[in-house]
Amino acid sequence: MATTKNTKKSYDGFSEAERDAMKEHAKELKSKENPAEAQAAKIAGMADADREIAERLNELIPQIAPELTPKLWYGMPGWAKNGKIVCFFQDAAKFKYRYSTFGFQDSANIDDGAMWPTSYAITKLTPAVEKQLIALIKKAVS
């Protein structure tokens, strides 16, 4: 039985926004730009409400987890430990969601039994929400 090899690259199943994020990630891997400056520029381009949250996170995270360094991750502000993303902020506009999210990658120490959340919706960064995030970030880098 003869088979034919399909050499055409297929991106079926990914939205345009997801494909754009993958392209951004490829550029990030090749970039020589200072990661903190690239992250600040990405945050500056966000809508007002999300920008305020991201700016506050960018101030807060170095204070509570100085071992985390800024790094863009798929076009989103992220914070890495030893080069691996621990946490990230996704603005609502990134994938046309109604809320922004703060998430964790598998390098974060947030495991809690057999099931735990890896991302959280944020509509407003209140003192109570900030307190919750601080506890989660501290746990993630522990």
N, C-alpha and C. Protein backbone atom coordinates (compact mmCIF):
# COMPACT_ATOMS: atom_id res chain seq x y z
N MET A 1 0.85 -1.18 0.00
CA MET A 1 0.00 0.00 0.00
C MET A 1 0.88 1.23 0.00
N ALA A 2 0.72 2.08 -0.95
CA ALA A 2 1.52 3.30 -1.07
C ALA A 2 0.95 4.39 -0.17
N THR A 3 1.85 5.11 0.44
CA THR A 3 1.42 6.25 1.25
C THR A 3 2.05 7.50 0.69
N THR A 4 1.37 8.59 0.89
CA THR A 4 1.91 9.87 0.45
C THR A 4 2.22 10.70 1.67
N LYS A 5 3.29 11.42 1.58
CA LYS A 5 3.69 12.27 2.69
C LYS A 5 3.15 13.67 2.46
N ASN A 6 2.43 14.17 3.43
CA ASN A 6 1.87 15.51 3.35
C ASN A 6 2.89 16.47 3.95
N THR A 7 3.53 17.27 3.14
CA THR A 7 4.55 18.21 3.61
C THR A 7 3.98 19.57 3.98
N LYS A 8 2.71 19.78 3.71
CA LYS A 8 2.08 21.05 4.05
C LYS A 8 1.88 21.12 5.56
N LYS A 9 2.34 22.21 6.15
CA LYS A 9 2.16 22.39 7.59
C LYS A 9 0.71 22.75 7.85
N SER A 10 0.14 22.10 8.85
CA SER A 10 -1.25 22.35 9.20
C SER A 10 -1.34 22.93 10.60
N TYR A 11 -2.13 23.94 10.73
CA TYR A 11 -2.35 24.56 12.02
C TYR A 11 -3.82 24.45 12.41
N ASP A 12 -4.49 23.45 11.82
CA ASP A 12 -5.89 23.24 12.14
C ASP A 12 -6.04 23.03 13.64
N GLY A 13 -7.10 23.58 14.19
CA GLY A 13 -7.36 23.42 15.61
C GLY A 13 -6.87 24.58 16.45
N PHE A 14 -6.04 25.44 15.89
CA PHE A 14 -5.55 26.62 16.62
C PHE A 14 -6.25 27.86 16.08
N SER A 15 -6.65 28.73 16.99
CA SER A 15 -7.25 29.99 16.57
C SER A 15 -6.17 30.90 16.03
N GLU A 16 -6.58 31.96 15.37
CA GLU A 16 -5.62 32.94 14.86
C GLU A 16 -4.80 33.54 16.01
N ALA A 17 -5.46 33.82 17.13
CA ALA A 17 -4.78 34.37 18.29
C ALA A 17 -3.74 33.39 18.85
N GLU A 18 -4.08 32.11 18.85
CA GLU A 18 -3.12 31.10 19.32
C GLU A 18 -1.93 30.99 18.37
N ARG A 19 -2.19 31.03 17.08
CA ARG A 19 -1.09 31.00 16.11
C ARG A 19 -0.20 32.23 16.27
N ASP A 20 -0.82 33.39 16.50
CA ASP A 20 -0.05 34.61 16.73
C ASP A 20 0.82 34.48 17.97
N ALA A 21 0.29 33.87 19.02
CA ALA A 21 1.05 33.68 20.26
C ALA A 21 2.24 32.77 20.01
N MET A 22 2.06 31.73 19.22
CA MET A 22 3.17 30.84 18.90
C MET A 22 4.26 31.58 18.10
N LYS A 23 3.83 32.45 17.19
CA LYS A 23 4.79 33.24 16.43
C LYS A 23 5.55 34.19 17.35
N GLU A 24 4.82 34.79 18.31
CA GLU A 24 5.47 35.68 19.27
C GLU A 24 6.51 34.92 20.09
N HIS A 25 6.17 33.71 20.48
CA HIS A 25 7.10 32.91 21.28
C HIS A 25 8.37 32.59 20.47
N ALA A 26 8.20 32.28 19.22
CA ALA A 26 9.37 32.01 18.37
C ALA A 26 10.27 33.24 18.29
N LYS A 27 9.68 34.42 18.16
CA LYS A 27 10.45 35.67 18.14
C LYS A 27 11.15 35.90 19.47
N GLU A 28 10.45 35.60 20.58
CA GLU A 28 11.03 35.79 21.91
C GLU A 28 12.28 34.93 22.09
N LEU A 29 12.23 33.70 21.57
CA LEU A 29 13.36 32.80 21.71
C LEU A 29 14.59 33.29 20.94
N LYS A 30 14.36 34.02 19.86
CA LYS A 30 15.45 34.54 19.04
C LYS A 30 15.89 35.95 19.45
N SER A 31 15.09 36.61 20.23
CA SER A 31 15.30 38.02 20.56
C SER A 31 16.55 38.25 21.40
N LYS A 32 17.20 39.34 21.12
CA LYS A 32 18.36 39.78 21.91
C LYS A 32 17.97 40.94 22.83
N GLU A 33 16.69 41.31 22.80
CA GLU A 33 16.18 42.42 23.60
C GLU A 33 16.23 42.07 25.09
N ASN A 34 16.47 43.07 25.90
CA ASN A 34 16.45 42.91 27.34
C ASN A 34 15.06 42.42 27.76
N PRO A 35 14.96 41.28 28.47
CA PRO A 35 13.64 40.73 28.83
C PRO A 35 12.78 41.68 29.66
N ALA A 36 13.38 42.42 30.57
CA ALA A 36 12.60 43.36 31.39
C ALA A 36 12.04 44.49 30.54
N GLU A 37 12.82 44.97 29.58
CA GLU A 37 12.35 46.03 28.69
C GLU A 37 11.26 45.52 27.76
N ALA A 38 11.44 44.30 27.26
CA ALA A 38 10.43 43.71 26.37
C ALA A 38 9.11 43.52 27.13
N GLN A 39 9.22 43.08 28.38
CA GLN A 39 8.03 42.89 29.19
C GLN A 39 7.34 44.22 29.48
N ALA A 40 8.11 45.24 29.82
CA ALA A 40 7.55 46.57 30.09
C ALA A 40 6.84 47.12 28.86
N ALA A 41 7.41 46.91 27.69
CA ALA A 41 6.78 47.38 26.45
C ALA A 41 5.47 46.64 26.19
N LYS A 42 5.45 45.34 26.47
CA LYS A 42 4.22 44.55 26.27
C LYS A 42 3.13 45.04 27.23
N ILE A 43 3.51 45.30 28.47
CA ILE A 43 2.55 45.79 29.47
C ILE A 43 2.02 47.16 29.07
N ALA A 44 2.90 48.02 28.58
CA ALA A 44 2.50 49.38 28.19
C ALA A 44 1.45 49.37 27.09
N GLY A 45 1.42 48.33 26.27
CA GLY A 45 0.46 48.24 25.17
C GLY A 45 -0.89 47.66 25.55
N MET A 46 -1.07 47.30 26.80
CA MET A 46 -2.33 46.69 27.23
C MET A 46 -3.40 47.75 27.47
N ALA A 47 -4.65 47.30 27.46
CA ALA A 47 -5.78 48.17 27.81
C ALA A 47 -5.60 48.62 29.26
N ASP A 48 -6.17 49.78 29.59
CA ASP A 48 -5.96 50.41 30.89
C ASP A 48 -6.11 49.49 32.09
N ALA A 49 -7.23 48.80 32.22
CA ALA A 49 -7.49 47.97 33.40
C ALA A 49 -6.46 46.85 33.53
N ASP A 50 -6.17 46.18 32.42
CA ASP A 50 -5.19 45.10 32.45
C ASP A 50 -3.78 45.62 32.65
N ARG A 51 -3.49 46.77 32.06
CA ARG A 51 -2.16 47.37 32.24
C ARG A 51 -1.91 47.69 33.71
N GLU A 52 -2.92 48.22 34.39
CA GLU A 52 -2.77 48.54 35.81
C GLU A 52 -2.47 47.28 36.63
N ILE A 53 -3.15 46.20 36.34
CA ILE A 53 -2.90 44.94 37.05
C ILE A 53 -1.49 44.45 36.74
N ALA A 54 -1.12 44.42 35.47
CA ALA A 54 0.20 43.93 35.07
C ALA A 54 1.32 44.79 35.66
N GLU A 55 1.14 46.10 35.66
CA GLU A 55 2.15 46.98 36.24
C GLU A 55 2.33 46.70 37.73
N ARG A 56 1.21 46.51 38.43
CA ARG A 56 1.30 46.22 39.87
C ARG A 56 1.98 44.87 40.11
N LEU A 57 1.64 43.87 39.31
CA LEU A 57 2.31 42.57 39.43
C LEU A 57 3.80 42.70 39.17
N ASN A 58 4.15 43.52 38.19
CA ASN A 58 5.56 43.72 37.84
C ASN A 58 6.32 44.44 38.96
N GLU A 59 5.64 45.21 39.78
CA GLU A 59 6.25 45.84 40.95
C GLU A 59 6.32 44.84 42.11
N LEU A 60 5.25 44.10 42.28
CA LEU A 60 5.07 43.22 43.43
C LEU A 60 5.96 41.98 43.37
N ILE A 61 6.02 41.32 42.25
CA ILE A 61 6.71 40.04 42.14
C ILE A 61 8.19 40.14 42.52
N PRO A 62 8.95 41.13 42.06
CA PRO A 62 10.35 41.20 42.49
C PRO A 62 10.51 41.42 44.00
N GLN A 63 9.53 42.04 44.62
CA GLN A 63 9.59 42.26 46.07
C GLN A 63 9.37 40.97 46.85
N ILE A 64 8.44 40.14 46.41
CA ILE A 64 8.10 38.93 47.17
C ILE A 64 8.86 37.70 46.69
N ALA A 65 9.35 37.73 45.46
CA ALA A 65 10.08 36.58 44.91
C ALA A 65 11.23 37.11 44.04
N PRO A 66 12.27 37.65 44.67
CA PRO A 66 13.37 38.24 43.90
C PRO A 66 14.11 37.24 43.01
N GLU A 67 13.90 35.95 43.24
CA GLU A 67 14.54 34.94 42.39
C GLU A 67 13.87 34.81 41.03
N LEU A 68 12.69 35.42 40.87
CA LEU A 68 12.00 35.40 39.58
C LEU A 68 12.46 36.57 38.72
N THR A 69 12.69 36.30 37.46
CA THR A 69 13.12 37.33 36.53
C THR A 69 12.05 37.53 35.46
N PRO A 70 11.88 38.76 34.99
CA PRO A 70 10.88 39.02 33.95
C PRO A 70 11.27 38.35 32.63
N LYS A 71 10.26 37.89 31.94
CA LYS A 71 10.49 37.22 30.67
C LYS A 71 9.17 37.18 29.90
N LEU A 72 9.19 37.51 28.64
CA LEU A 72 7.98 37.34 27.84
C LEU A 72 7.78 35.86 27.56
N TRP A 73 6.52 35.46 27.56
CA TRP A 73 6.18 34.06 27.33
C TRP A 73 4.94 34.01 26.46
N TYR A 74 5.10 33.64 25.21
CA TYR A 74 4.01 33.63 24.23
C TYR A 74 3.34 34.99 24.14
N GLY A 75 4.14 36.04 24.25
CA GLY A 75 3.63 37.40 24.15
C GLY A 75 2.97 37.91 25.41
N MET A 76 3.15 37.20 26.51
CA MET A 76 2.56 37.60 27.79
C MET A 76 3.68 37.86 28.79
N PRO A 77 3.46 38.78 29.72
CA PRO A 77 4.45 38.97 30.79
C PRO A 77 4.53 37.70 31.64
N GLY A 78 5.74 37.22 31.80
CA GLY A 78 5.96 36.05 32.63
C GLY A 78 7.12 36.30 33.57
N TRP A 79 7.27 35.42 34.55
CA TRP A 79 8.37 35.52 35.50
C TRP A 79 8.97 34.13 35.62
N ALA A 80 10.28 34.05 35.48
CA ALA A 80 10.97 32.77 35.40
C ALA A 80 11.95 32.58 36.54
N LYS A 81 12.19 31.31 36.84
CA LYS A 81 13.22 30.92 37.81
C LYS A 81 14.14 29.94 37.08
N ASN A 82 15.41 30.27 37.05
CA ASN A 82 16.38 29.43 36.34
C ASN A 82 15.97 29.22 34.87
N GLY A 83 15.43 30.27 34.26
CA GLY A 83 15.05 30.22 32.85
C GLY A 83 13.70 29.59 32.55
N LYS A 84 13.05 28.99 33.54
CA LYS A 84 11.75 28.34 33.32
C LYS A 84 10.63 29.21 33.87
N ILE A 85 9.60 29.42 33.06
CA ILE A 85 8.46 30.23 33.49
C ILE A 85 7.79 29.58 34.70
N VAL A 86 7.58 30.39 35.72
CA VAL A 86 6.87 29.95 36.91
C VAL A 86 5.44 30.47 36.86
N CYS A 87 5.29 31.77 36.54
CA CYS A 87 3.96 32.37 36.50
C CYS A 87 3.89 33.39 35.37
N PHE A 88 2.67 33.73 35.00
CA PHE A 88 2.47 34.66 33.89
C PHE A 88 1.14 35.39 34.05
N PHE A 89 1.06 36.53 33.36
CA PHE A 89 -0.17 37.32 33.33
C PHE A 89 -0.67 37.36 31.90
N GLN A 90 -1.93 37.02 31.71
CA GLN A 90 -2.55 37.07 30.38
C GLN A 90 -3.64 38.11 30.39
N ASP A 91 -3.45 39.17 29.62
CA ASP A 91 -4.47 40.21 29.56
C ASP A 91 -5.69 39.70 28.81
N ALA A 92 -6.83 40.28 29.11
CA ALA A 92 -8.10 39.83 28.54
C ALA A 92 -8.10 39.89 27.01
N ALA A 93 -7.44 40.87 26.45
CA ALA A 93 -7.45 41.04 25.00
C ALA A 93 -6.65 39.96 24.26
N LYS A 94 -5.73 39.30 24.97
CA LYS A 94 -4.84 38.32 24.32
C LYS A 94 -5.63 37.29 23.52
N PHE A 95 -6.65 36.72 24.12
CA PHE A 95 -7.48 35.75 23.42
C PHE A 95 -8.95 36.15 23.42
N LYS A 96 -9.18 37.46 23.59
CA LYS A 96 -10.52 38.04 23.57
C LYS A 96 -11.41 37.45 24.67
N TYR A 97 -10.83 37.32 25.87
CA TYR A 97 -11.58 36.85 27.03
C TYR A 97 -12.22 38.03 27.73
N ARG A 98 -13.16 37.74 28.60
CA ARG A 98 -13.82 38.82 29.34
C ARG A 98 -13.05 39.18 30.60
N TYR A 99 -12.01 38.44 30.93
CA TYR A 99 -11.20 38.72 32.11
C TYR A 99 -9.75 38.35 31.85
N SER A 100 -8.86 38.95 32.60
CA SER A 100 -7.45 38.58 32.52
C SER A 100 -7.20 37.40 33.45
N THR A 101 -6.06 36.74 33.28
CA THR A 101 -5.74 35.61 34.14
C THR A 101 -4.30 35.70 34.63
N PHE A 102 -4.08 35.13 35.79
CA PHE A 102 -2.74 34.95 36.33
C PHE A 102 -2.57 33.45 36.46
N GLY A 103 -1.54 32.92 35.82
CA GLY A 103 -1.38 31.47 35.79
C GLY A 103 -0.01 31.00 36.19
N PHE A 104 0.08 29.71 36.38
CA PHE A 104 1.33 29.06 36.79
C PHE A 104 1.66 27.94 35.82
N GLN A 105 2.94 27.72 35.62
CA GLN A 105 3.43 26.62 34.81
C GLN A 105 3.86 25.48 35.72
N ASP A 106 4.25 24.37 35.12
CA ASP A 106 4.57 23.18 35.90
C ASP A 106 5.81 23.32 36.77
N SER A 107 6.62 24.34 36.56
CA SER A 107 7.78 24.56 37.42
C SER A 107 7.39 25.22 38.74
N ALA A 108 6.16 25.67 38.86
CA ALA A 108 5.67 26.27 40.11
C ALA A 108 5.34 25.18 41.12
N ASN A 109 5.68 25.42 42.36
CA ASN A 109 5.41 24.46 43.43
C ASN A 109 4.03 24.73 44.04
N ILE A 110 2.99 24.52 43.24
CA ILE A 110 1.64 24.79 43.73
C ILE A 110 0.82 23.51 43.89
N ASP A 111 1.45 22.37 43.69
CA ASP A 111 0.74 21.09 43.79
C ASP A 111 0.02 20.98 45.13
N ASP A 112 -1.21 20.48 45.07
CA ASP A 112 -2.00 20.31 46.28
C ASP A 112 -2.88 19.07 46.11
N GLY A 113 -2.33 17.92 46.45
CA GLY A 113 -3.08 16.67 46.28
C GLY A 113 -3.12 16.23 44.84
N ALA A 114 -4.26 15.69 44.43
CA ALA A 114 -4.39 15.14 43.08
C ALA A 114 -4.97 16.15 42.08
N MET A 115 -5.38 17.35 42.57
CA MET A 115 -5.97 18.35 41.67
C MET A 115 -5.81 19.73 42.29
N TRP A 116 -5.42 20.71 41.45
CA TRP A 116 -5.27 22.09 41.92
C TRP A 116 -5.40 23.04 40.74
N PRO A 117 -5.80 24.28 40.99
CA PRO A 117 -5.92 25.25 39.90
C PRO A 117 -4.54 25.72 39.45
N THR A 118 -4.42 26.00 38.15
CA THR A 118 -3.18 26.53 37.61
C THR A 118 -3.33 27.94 37.06
N SER A 119 -4.55 28.45 37.02
CA SER A 119 -4.74 29.84 36.63
C SER A 119 -5.97 30.41 37.33
N TYR A 120 -5.94 31.73 37.46
CA TYR A 120 -6.98 32.43 38.20
C TYR A 120 -7.45 33.63 37.39
N ALA A 121 -8.75 33.81 37.30
CA ALA A 121 -9.32 34.98 36.64
C ALA A 121 -9.15 36.18 37.56
N ILE A 122 -8.77 37.30 36.97
CA ILE A 122 -8.64 38.55 37.74
C ILE A 122 -9.40 39.64 37.01
N THR A 123 -10.38 40.22 37.69
CA THR A 123 -11.10 41.34 37.10
C THR A 123 -10.66 42.66 37.71
N LYS A 124 -10.12 42.59 38.92
CA LYS A 124 -9.65 43.78 39.61
C LYS A 124 -8.63 43.35 40.66
N LEU A 125 -7.55 44.09 40.80
CA LEU A 125 -6.51 43.75 41.76
C LEU A 125 -6.77 44.50 43.07
N THR A 126 -7.66 43.94 43.87
CA THR A 126 -8.00 44.51 45.18
C THR A 126 -6.94 44.09 46.20
N PRO A 127 -6.92 44.71 47.37
CA PRO A 127 -5.97 44.26 48.41
C PRO A 127 -6.15 42.78 48.76
N ALA A 128 -7.38 42.30 48.80
CA ALA A 128 -7.63 40.89 49.10
C ALA A 128 -7.07 39.97 48.01
N VAL A 129 -7.27 40.34 46.74
CA VAL A 129 -6.76 39.56 45.62
C VAL A 129 -5.23 39.59 45.64
N GLU A 130 -4.68 40.77 45.90
CA GLU A 130 -3.23 40.92 45.97
C GLU A 130 -2.65 39.99 47.05
N LYS A 131 -3.31 39.92 48.19
CA LYS A 131 -2.87 39.06 49.29
C LYS A 131 -2.88 37.59 48.86
N GLN A 132 -3.94 37.18 48.15
CA GLN A 132 -4.02 35.80 47.65
C GLN A 132 -2.89 35.51 46.66
N LEU A 133 -2.65 36.45 45.75
CA LEU A 133 -1.59 36.25 44.76
C LEU A 133 -0.22 36.17 45.43
N ILE A 134 0.01 37.01 46.42
CA ILE A 134 1.29 36.97 47.14
C ILE A 134 1.51 35.58 47.73
N ALA A 135 0.50 35.03 48.39
CA ALA A 135 0.62 33.70 48.99
C ALA A 135 0.89 32.64 47.93
N LEU A 136 0.18 32.72 46.79
CA LEU A 136 0.38 31.74 45.71
C LEU A 136 1.78 31.85 45.11
N ILE A 137 2.25 33.07 44.89
CA ILE A 137 3.58 33.25 44.30
C ILE A 137 4.66 32.77 45.25
N LYS A 138 4.51 33.08 46.54
CA LYS A 138 5.49 32.58 47.53
C LYS A 138 5.53 31.05 47.53
N LYS A 139 4.36 30.44 47.48
CA LYS A 139 4.29 28.97 47.44
C LYS A 139 4.92 28.45 46.15
N ALA A 140 4.67 29.12 45.04
CA ALA A 140 5.17 28.68 43.73
C ALA A 140 6.69 28.64 43.67
N VAL A 141 7.35 29.54 44.37
CA VAL A 141 8.82 29.59 44.33
C VAL A 141 9.48 28.89 45.51
N SER A 142 8.68 28.32 46.40
CA SER A 142 9.24 27.68 47.59
C SER A 142 9.96 26.38 47.25
